[in-house]
Amino acid sequence: MIEKSVVLIKPDGVERNIIGNIISCYEANGLKVAELKLMKATREIAEKHYCQHKGKDFYEELITFITRSPLCAIILKGEDAVARIRKINGATSPTDAEEGSIRHRYARSKTENCVHASDTVESAKEEIALWFPELNN
């Protein structure tokens, strides 16, 4: 089934000038860029995005990190996009990420791991609405 999913190339990836390298990984795996924008996340968007982590000891670190500089928000589409993107990204921690995955190649830590992707079709819909409100017409 053709799905859409959100990918965020986080500030560490943008700061290191590896946006193109990361997008190439998705395109090489048959995914298409449907929407793309460079933006600086506001605290309000960041808090909504990470609401499931509110109250955890690392919450404030996540908010500070995702809002520190611009990120690249992308909507990718393709067959089984959600699962395929998550496999391409690799495990959250670079030490656990499969060889060849984006996080294995580029991540510096569990926080500075270059990319975020929606984990379900339902969360993809919510994240598209959050990161691309201009499409909700």
N, C-alpha and C. Protein backbone atom coordinates (compact mmCIF):
# COMPACT_ATOMS: atom_id res chain seq x y z
N MET A 1 0.84 -1.18 0.00
CA MET A 1 0.00 0.00 0.00
C MET A 1 0.88 1.25 0.00
N ILE A 2 0.53 2.22 -0.81
CA ILE A 2 1.26 3.49 -0.86
C ILE A 2 0.93 4.28 0.41
N GLU A 3 1.97 4.69 1.11
CA GLU A 3 1.83 5.45 2.35
C GLU A 3 2.65 6.72 2.26
N LYS A 4 2.31 7.65 3.15
CA LYS A 4 3.12 8.85 3.35
C LYS A 4 3.64 8.83 4.77
N SER A 5 4.82 9.38 4.95
CA SER A 5 5.42 9.44 6.28
C SER A 5 6.25 10.71 6.39
N VAL A 6 6.40 11.18 7.62
CA VAL A 6 7.24 12.34 7.89
C VAL A 6 8.64 11.88 8.27
N VAL A 7 9.61 12.55 7.70
CA VAL A 7 11.01 12.42 8.12
C VAL A 7 11.48 13.82 8.49
N LEU A 8 12.14 13.92 9.60
CA LEU A 8 12.82 15.15 9.98
C LEU A 8 14.31 14.89 9.92
N ILE A 9 15.00 15.67 9.12
CA ILE A 9 16.46 15.66 9.21
C ILE A 9 16.75 16.69 10.29
N LYS A 10 17.17 16.20 11.42
CA LYS A 10 17.30 17.01 12.62
C LYS A 10 18.43 18.05 12.49
N PRO A 11 18.47 19.01 13.42
CA PRO A 11 19.48 20.06 13.33
C PRO A 11 20.92 19.56 13.15
N ASP A 12 21.28 18.45 13.77
CA ASP A 12 22.65 17.97 13.60
C ASP A 12 22.94 17.59 12.16
N GLY A 13 21.98 17.01 11.46
CA GLY A 13 22.16 16.67 10.06
C GLY A 13 22.24 17.89 9.16
N VAL A 14 21.42 18.90 9.46
CA VAL A 14 21.43 20.14 8.68
C VAL A 14 22.75 20.88 8.93
N GLU A 15 23.16 20.97 10.18
CA GLU A 15 24.41 21.67 10.54
C GLU A 15 25.62 21.03 9.87
N ARG A 16 25.59 19.72 9.68
CA ARG A 16 26.73 19.00 9.10
C ARG A 16 26.66 18.92 7.57
N ASN A 17 25.64 19.56 6.96
CA ASN A 17 25.51 19.60 5.50
C ASN A 17 25.39 18.21 4.87
N ILE A 18 24.56 17.35 5.52
CA ILE A 18 24.37 16.01 4.96
C ILE A 18 22.91 15.76 4.56
N ILE A 19 22.15 16.83 4.34
CA ILE A 19 20.76 16.70 3.92
C ILE A 19 20.68 15.86 2.64
N GLY A 20 21.47 16.22 1.64
CA GLY A 20 21.45 15.51 0.36
C GLY A 20 21.82 14.05 0.50
N ASN A 21 22.82 13.75 1.32
CA ASN A 21 23.23 12.35 1.54
C ASN A 21 22.06 11.55 2.12
N ILE A 22 21.36 12.14 3.08
CA ILE A 22 20.26 11.45 3.75
C ILE A 22 19.09 11.25 2.79
N ILE A 23 18.71 12.29 2.07
CA ILE A 23 17.61 12.16 1.11
C ILE A 23 17.95 11.11 0.05
N SER A 24 19.20 11.06 -0.37
CA SER A 24 19.62 10.07 -1.37
C SER A 24 19.39 8.64 -0.89
N CYS A 25 19.54 8.41 0.41
CA CYS A 25 19.29 7.07 0.97
C CYS A 25 17.84 6.65 0.74
N TYR A 26 16.92 7.57 0.95
CA TYR A 26 15.49 7.27 0.75
C TYR A 26 15.18 7.08 -0.73
N GLU A 27 15.69 7.99 -1.56
CA GLU A 27 15.41 7.91 -2.99
C GLU A 27 16.01 6.64 -3.60
N ALA A 28 17.18 6.23 -3.14
CA ALA A 28 17.81 5.01 -3.64
C ALA A 28 17.00 3.76 -3.29
N ASN A 29 16.12 3.91 -2.30
CA ASN A 29 15.26 2.80 -1.89
C ASN A 29 13.84 2.95 -2.42
N GLY A 30 13.67 3.76 -3.46
CA GLY A 30 12.40 3.86 -4.16
C GLY A 30 11.36 4.77 -3.54
N LEU A 31 11.73 5.54 -2.54
CA LEU A 31 10.79 6.49 -1.93
C LEU A 31 10.86 7.83 -2.65
N LYS A 32 9.75 8.53 -2.69
CA LYS A 32 9.65 9.81 -3.39
C LYS A 32 9.44 10.94 -2.39
N VAL A 33 10.10 12.07 -2.63
CA VAL A 33 9.88 13.26 -1.83
C VAL A 33 8.60 13.91 -2.34
N ALA A 34 7.59 14.01 -1.45
CA ALA A 34 6.32 14.64 -1.81
C ALA A 34 6.29 16.10 -1.38
N GLU A 35 6.92 16.41 -0.25
CA GLU A 35 7.01 17.78 0.27
C GLU A 35 8.33 17.89 1.02
N LEU A 36 8.90 19.11 1.03
CA LEU A 36 10.16 19.33 1.72
C LEU A 36 10.26 20.80 2.09
N LYS A 37 10.71 21.06 3.30
CA LYS A 37 10.96 22.45 3.69
C LYS A 37 12.02 22.51 4.79
N LEU A 38 12.78 23.59 4.76
CA LEU A 38 13.75 23.88 5.80
C LEU A 38 13.08 24.87 6.74
N MET A 39 13.12 24.57 8.03
CA MET A 39 12.44 25.43 9.00
C MET A 39 13.10 25.31 10.36
N LYS A 40 12.86 26.29 11.19
CA LYS A 40 13.30 26.22 12.58
C LYS A 40 12.07 25.87 13.42
N ALA A 41 12.14 24.77 14.12
CA ALA A 41 11.01 24.34 14.95
C ALA A 41 10.83 25.28 16.12
N THR A 42 9.59 25.67 16.36
CA THR A 42 9.28 26.47 17.53
C THR A 42 9.19 25.54 18.75
N ARG A 43 9.27 26.11 19.92
CA ARG A 43 9.10 25.31 21.13
C ARG A 43 7.72 24.65 21.15
N GLU A 44 6.70 25.38 20.69
CA GLU A 44 5.34 24.84 20.67
C GLU A 44 5.23 23.59 19.80
N ILE A 45 5.79 23.63 18.61
CA ILE A 45 5.77 22.45 17.73
C ILE A 45 6.58 21.32 18.35
N ALA A 46 7.75 21.66 18.89
CA ALA A 46 8.61 20.64 19.50
C ALA A 46 7.90 19.94 20.66
N GLU A 47 7.20 20.71 21.49
CA GLU A 47 6.48 20.12 22.62
C GLU A 47 5.36 19.21 22.15
N LYS A 48 4.67 19.59 21.09
CA LYS A 48 3.62 18.72 20.54
C LYS A 48 4.25 17.45 19.94
N HIS A 49 5.35 17.62 19.24
CA HIS A 49 6.02 16.49 18.60
C HIS A 49 6.51 15.47 19.63
N TYR A 50 7.06 15.95 20.73
CA TYR A 50 7.62 15.06 21.75
C TYR A 50 6.72 14.91 22.97
N CYS A 51 5.42 15.13 22.82
CA CYS A 51 4.49 15.10 23.97
C CYS A 51 4.53 13.77 24.73
N GLN A 52 4.79 12.67 24.04
CA GLN A 52 4.83 11.36 24.71
C GLN A 52 6.01 11.23 25.67
N HIS A 53 6.98 12.14 25.56
CA HIS A 53 8.16 12.09 26.44
C HIS A 53 8.10 13.11 27.58
N LYS A 54 7.02 13.91 27.63
CA LYS A 54 6.90 14.93 28.67
C LYS A 54 6.99 14.26 30.05
N GLY A 55 7.79 14.85 30.93
CA GLY A 55 7.97 14.32 32.27
C GLY A 55 9.17 13.39 32.40
N LYS A 56 9.73 12.96 31.28
CA LYS A 56 10.92 12.10 31.32
C LYS A 56 12.16 12.97 31.49
N ASP A 57 13.20 12.38 32.04
CA ASP A 57 14.40 13.16 32.36
C ASP A 57 15.10 13.75 31.13
N PHE A 58 14.89 13.19 29.95
CA PHE A 58 15.56 13.68 28.75
C PHE A 58 14.68 14.62 27.92
N TYR A 59 13.47 14.90 28.37
CA TYR A 59 12.51 15.72 27.61
C TYR A 59 13.07 17.10 27.25
N GLU A 60 13.58 17.81 28.23
CA GLU A 60 14.07 19.17 27.98
C GLU A 60 15.26 19.15 27.02
N GLU A 61 16.10 18.13 27.11
CA GLU A 61 17.23 18.00 26.19
C GLU A 61 16.73 17.83 24.74
N LEU A 62 15.67 17.04 24.55
CA LEU A 62 15.08 16.85 23.22
C LEU A 62 14.56 18.17 22.66
N ILE A 63 13.82 18.92 23.50
CA ILE A 63 13.24 20.19 23.07
C ILE A 63 14.35 21.18 22.68
N THR A 64 15.35 21.29 23.52
CA THR A 64 16.47 22.19 23.25
C THR A 64 17.18 21.80 21.96
N PHE A 65 17.39 20.52 21.77
CA PHE A 65 18.10 20.04 20.58
C PHE A 65 17.31 20.31 19.30
N ILE A 66 16.05 19.95 19.26
CA ILE A 66 15.26 20.05 18.02
C ILE A 66 14.98 21.50 17.63
N THR A 67 15.08 22.42 18.61
CA THR A 67 14.82 23.84 18.32
C THR A 67 16.10 24.68 18.19
N ARG A 68 17.26 24.07 18.29
CA ARG A 68 18.50 24.86 18.33
C ARG A 68 18.88 25.50 17.01
N SER A 69 18.49 24.90 15.90
CA SER A 69 18.80 25.44 14.57
C SER A 69 17.85 24.79 13.56
N PRO A 70 17.89 25.20 12.30
CA PRO A 70 16.93 24.66 11.33
C PRO A 70 17.00 23.14 11.18
N LEU A 71 15.85 22.59 10.80
CA LEU A 71 15.74 21.18 10.45
C LEU A 71 15.09 21.11 9.07
N CYS A 72 15.14 19.95 8.47
CA CYS A 72 14.52 19.73 7.17
C CYS A 72 13.36 18.77 7.37
N ALA A 73 12.15 19.26 7.15
CA ALA A 73 10.94 18.44 7.28
C ALA A 73 10.56 17.93 5.90
N ILE A 74 10.30 16.63 5.82
CA ILE A 74 10.04 15.98 4.53
C ILE A 74 8.82 15.07 4.66
N ILE A 75 8.02 15.03 3.63
CA ILE A 75 7.02 13.98 3.49
C ILE A 75 7.51 13.07 2.38
N LEU A 76 7.72 11.81 2.73
CA LEU A 76 8.11 10.80 1.75
C LEU A 76 6.91 9.92 1.47
N LYS A 77 6.81 9.42 0.25
CA LYS A 77 5.73 8.49 -0.06
C LYS A 77 6.28 7.31 -0.84
N GLY A 78 5.58 6.19 -0.67
CA GLY A 78 5.97 4.98 -1.38
C GLY A 78 5.28 3.78 -0.79
N GLU A 79 5.53 2.65 -1.37
CA GLU A 79 4.97 1.38 -0.91
C GLU A 79 5.51 1.09 0.50
N ASP A 80 4.59 0.87 1.45
CA ASP A 80 4.96 0.58 2.85
C ASP A 80 6.01 1.56 3.39
N ALA A 81 5.80 2.83 3.11
CA ALA A 81 6.79 3.86 3.43
C ALA A 81 7.18 3.90 4.90
N VAL A 82 6.21 3.79 5.80
CA VAL A 82 6.51 3.93 7.24
C VAL A 82 7.55 2.89 7.67
N ALA A 83 7.31 1.64 7.39
CA ALA A 83 8.23 0.57 7.80
C ALA A 83 9.55 0.66 7.06
N ARG A 84 9.50 0.97 5.79
CA ARG A 84 10.74 1.04 5.00
C ARG A 84 11.64 2.17 5.48
N ILE A 85 11.05 3.32 5.77
CA ILE A 85 11.84 4.45 6.25
C ILE A 85 12.49 4.11 7.59
N ARG A 86 11.75 3.49 8.47
CA ARG A 86 12.31 3.14 9.79
C ARG A 86 13.47 2.17 9.64
N LYS A 87 13.39 1.25 8.70
CA LYS A 87 14.50 0.32 8.46
C LYS A 87 15.71 1.07 7.89
N ILE A 88 15.46 1.96 6.94
CA ILE A 88 16.54 2.75 6.34
C ILE A 88 17.22 3.62 7.41
N ASN A 89 16.42 4.18 8.35
CA ASN A 89 16.99 5.01 9.42
C ASN A 89 17.85 4.20 10.36
N GLY A 90 17.43 3.00 10.72
CA GLY A 90 18.14 2.20 11.71
C GLY A 90 17.68 2.51 13.12
N ALA A 91 18.18 1.75 14.07
CA ALA A 91 17.82 1.90 15.48
C ALA A 91 18.19 3.29 15.99
N THR A 92 17.46 3.77 17.00
CA THR A 92 17.65 5.11 17.56
C THR A 92 19.10 5.36 17.97
N SER A 93 19.70 4.40 18.63
CA SER A 93 21.08 4.53 19.08
C SER A 93 22.02 4.06 17.96
N PRO A 94 23.00 4.87 17.58
CA PRO A 94 23.90 4.46 16.49
C PRO A 94 24.66 3.17 16.77
N THR A 95 24.89 2.85 18.04
CA THR A 95 25.59 1.61 18.35
C THR A 95 24.72 0.38 18.10
N ASP A 96 23.40 0.57 18.06
CA ASP A 96 22.47 -0.53 17.79
C ASP A 96 22.00 -0.55 16.34
N ALA A 97 22.31 0.50 15.59
CA ALA A 97 21.81 0.64 14.21
C ALA A 97 22.52 -0.33 13.27
N GLU A 98 21.72 -0.90 12.38
CA GLU A 98 22.24 -1.84 11.39
C GLU A 98 23.26 -1.15 10.49
N GLU A 99 24.31 -1.88 10.13
CA GLU A 99 25.33 -1.34 9.25
C GLU A 99 24.69 -0.87 7.94
N GLY A 100 25.08 0.30 7.50
CA GLY A 100 24.54 0.86 6.27
C GLY A 100 23.34 1.76 6.47
N SER A 101 22.71 1.70 7.65
CA SER A 101 21.56 2.56 7.92
C SER A 101 22.05 4.00 8.10
N ILE A 102 21.11 4.94 8.00
CA ILE A 102 21.45 6.35 8.15
C ILE A 102 22.07 6.61 9.52
N ARG A 103 21.48 6.07 10.57
CA ARG A 103 22.01 6.34 11.91
C ARG A 103 23.35 5.65 12.13
N HIS A 104 23.56 4.50 11.54
CA HIS A 104 24.86 3.84 11.65
C HIS A 104 25.93 4.70 10.98
N ARG A 105 25.59 5.27 9.83
CA ARG A 105 26.55 6.08 9.08
C ARG A 105 26.80 7.45 9.69
N TYR A 106 25.72 8.11 10.16
CA TYR A 106 25.84 9.54 10.47
C TYR A 106 25.59 9.94 11.91
N ALA A 107 24.90 9.15 12.70
CA ALA A 107 24.54 9.56 14.06
C ALA A 107 25.76 9.66 14.95
N ARG A 108 25.69 10.61 15.88
CA ARG A 108 26.76 10.79 16.87
C ARG A 108 26.36 10.28 18.24
N SER A 109 25.05 10.24 18.49
CA SER A 109 24.54 9.78 19.79
C SER A 109 23.08 9.41 19.63
N LYS A 110 22.47 8.96 20.72
CA LYS A 110 21.05 8.62 20.70
C LYS A 110 20.19 9.85 20.43
N THR A 111 20.62 11.02 20.91
CA THR A 111 19.90 12.27 20.66
C THR A 111 20.27 12.83 19.29
N GLU A 112 21.56 12.98 19.04
CA GLU A 112 22.03 13.53 17.76
C GLU A 112 22.16 12.38 16.76
N ASN A 113 21.00 11.88 16.33
CA ASN A 113 20.99 10.73 15.43
C ASN A 113 20.47 11.07 14.04
N CYS A 114 20.48 12.34 13.70
CA CYS A 114 20.22 12.91 12.37
C CYS A 114 18.79 12.86 11.86
N VAL A 115 18.02 11.83 12.20
CA VAL A 115 16.70 11.69 11.58
C VAL A 115 15.63 11.24 12.57
N HIS A 116 14.42 11.66 12.26
CA HIS A 116 13.22 11.17 12.94
C HIS A 116 12.29 10.68 11.84
N ALA A 117 11.52 9.63 12.13
CA ALA A 117 10.49 9.18 11.19
C ALA A 117 9.26 8.74 11.97
N SER A 118 8.12 8.95 11.36
CA SER A 118 6.85 8.49 11.95
C SER A 118 6.93 6.99 12.18
N ASP A 119 6.32 6.53 13.29
CA ASP A 119 6.41 5.10 13.62
C ASP A 119 5.20 4.29 13.20
N THR A 120 4.10 4.95 12.86
CA THR A 120 2.89 4.26 12.39
C THR A 120 2.23 5.13 11.33
N VAL A 121 1.32 4.54 10.57
CA VAL A 121 0.56 5.31 9.58
C VAL A 121 -0.25 6.40 10.28
N GLU A 122 -0.81 6.08 11.46
CA GLU A 122 -1.60 7.05 12.21
C GLU A 122 -0.73 8.21 12.69
N SER A 123 0.45 7.91 13.23
CA SER A 123 1.31 9.00 13.68
C SER A 123 1.83 9.80 12.49
N ALA A 124 1.99 9.16 11.34
CA ALA A 124 2.39 9.90 10.14
C ALA A 124 1.35 10.96 9.79
N LYS A 125 0.09 10.60 9.87
CA LYS A 125 -0.98 11.57 9.58
C LYS A 125 -0.93 12.73 10.57
N GLU A 126 -0.74 12.42 11.85
CA GLU A 126 -0.64 13.47 12.87
C GLU A 126 0.57 14.36 12.65
N GLU A 127 1.70 13.74 12.30
CA GLU A 127 2.93 14.51 12.11
C GLU A 127 2.87 15.33 10.83
N ILE A 128 2.21 14.84 9.79
CA ILE A 128 2.02 15.65 8.58
C ILE A 128 1.22 16.90 8.94
N ALA A 129 0.17 16.74 9.73
CA ALA A 129 -0.65 17.89 10.15
C ALA A 129 0.16 18.86 11.02
N LEU A 130 1.05 18.34 11.86
CA LEU A 130 1.86 19.18 12.75
C LEU A 130 2.94 19.94 11.97
N TRP A 131 3.70 19.23 11.17
CA TRP A 131 4.85 19.83 10.48
C TRP A 131 4.50 20.51 9.16
N PHE A 132 3.34 20.15 8.59
CA PHE A 132 2.92 20.74 7.32
C PHE A 132 1.48 21.24 7.42
N PRO A 133 1.20 22.17 8.33
CA PRO A 133 -0.18 22.63 8.52
C PRO A 133 -0.76 23.29 7.27
N GLU A 134 0.10 23.80 6.42
CA GLU A 134 -0.36 24.45 5.20
C GLU A 134 -1.04 23.47 4.24
N LEU A 135 -0.86 22.17 4.44
CA LEU A 135 -1.48 21.16 3.58
C LEU A 135 -2.87 20.77 4.06
N ASN A 136 -3.29 21.28 5.19
CA ASN A 136 -4.59 20.88 5.79
C ASN A 136 -5.75 21.71 5.26
N ASN A 137 -5.72 22.06 4.01
CA ASN A 137 -6.82 22.85 3.44
C ASN A 137 -7.86 21.96 2.81
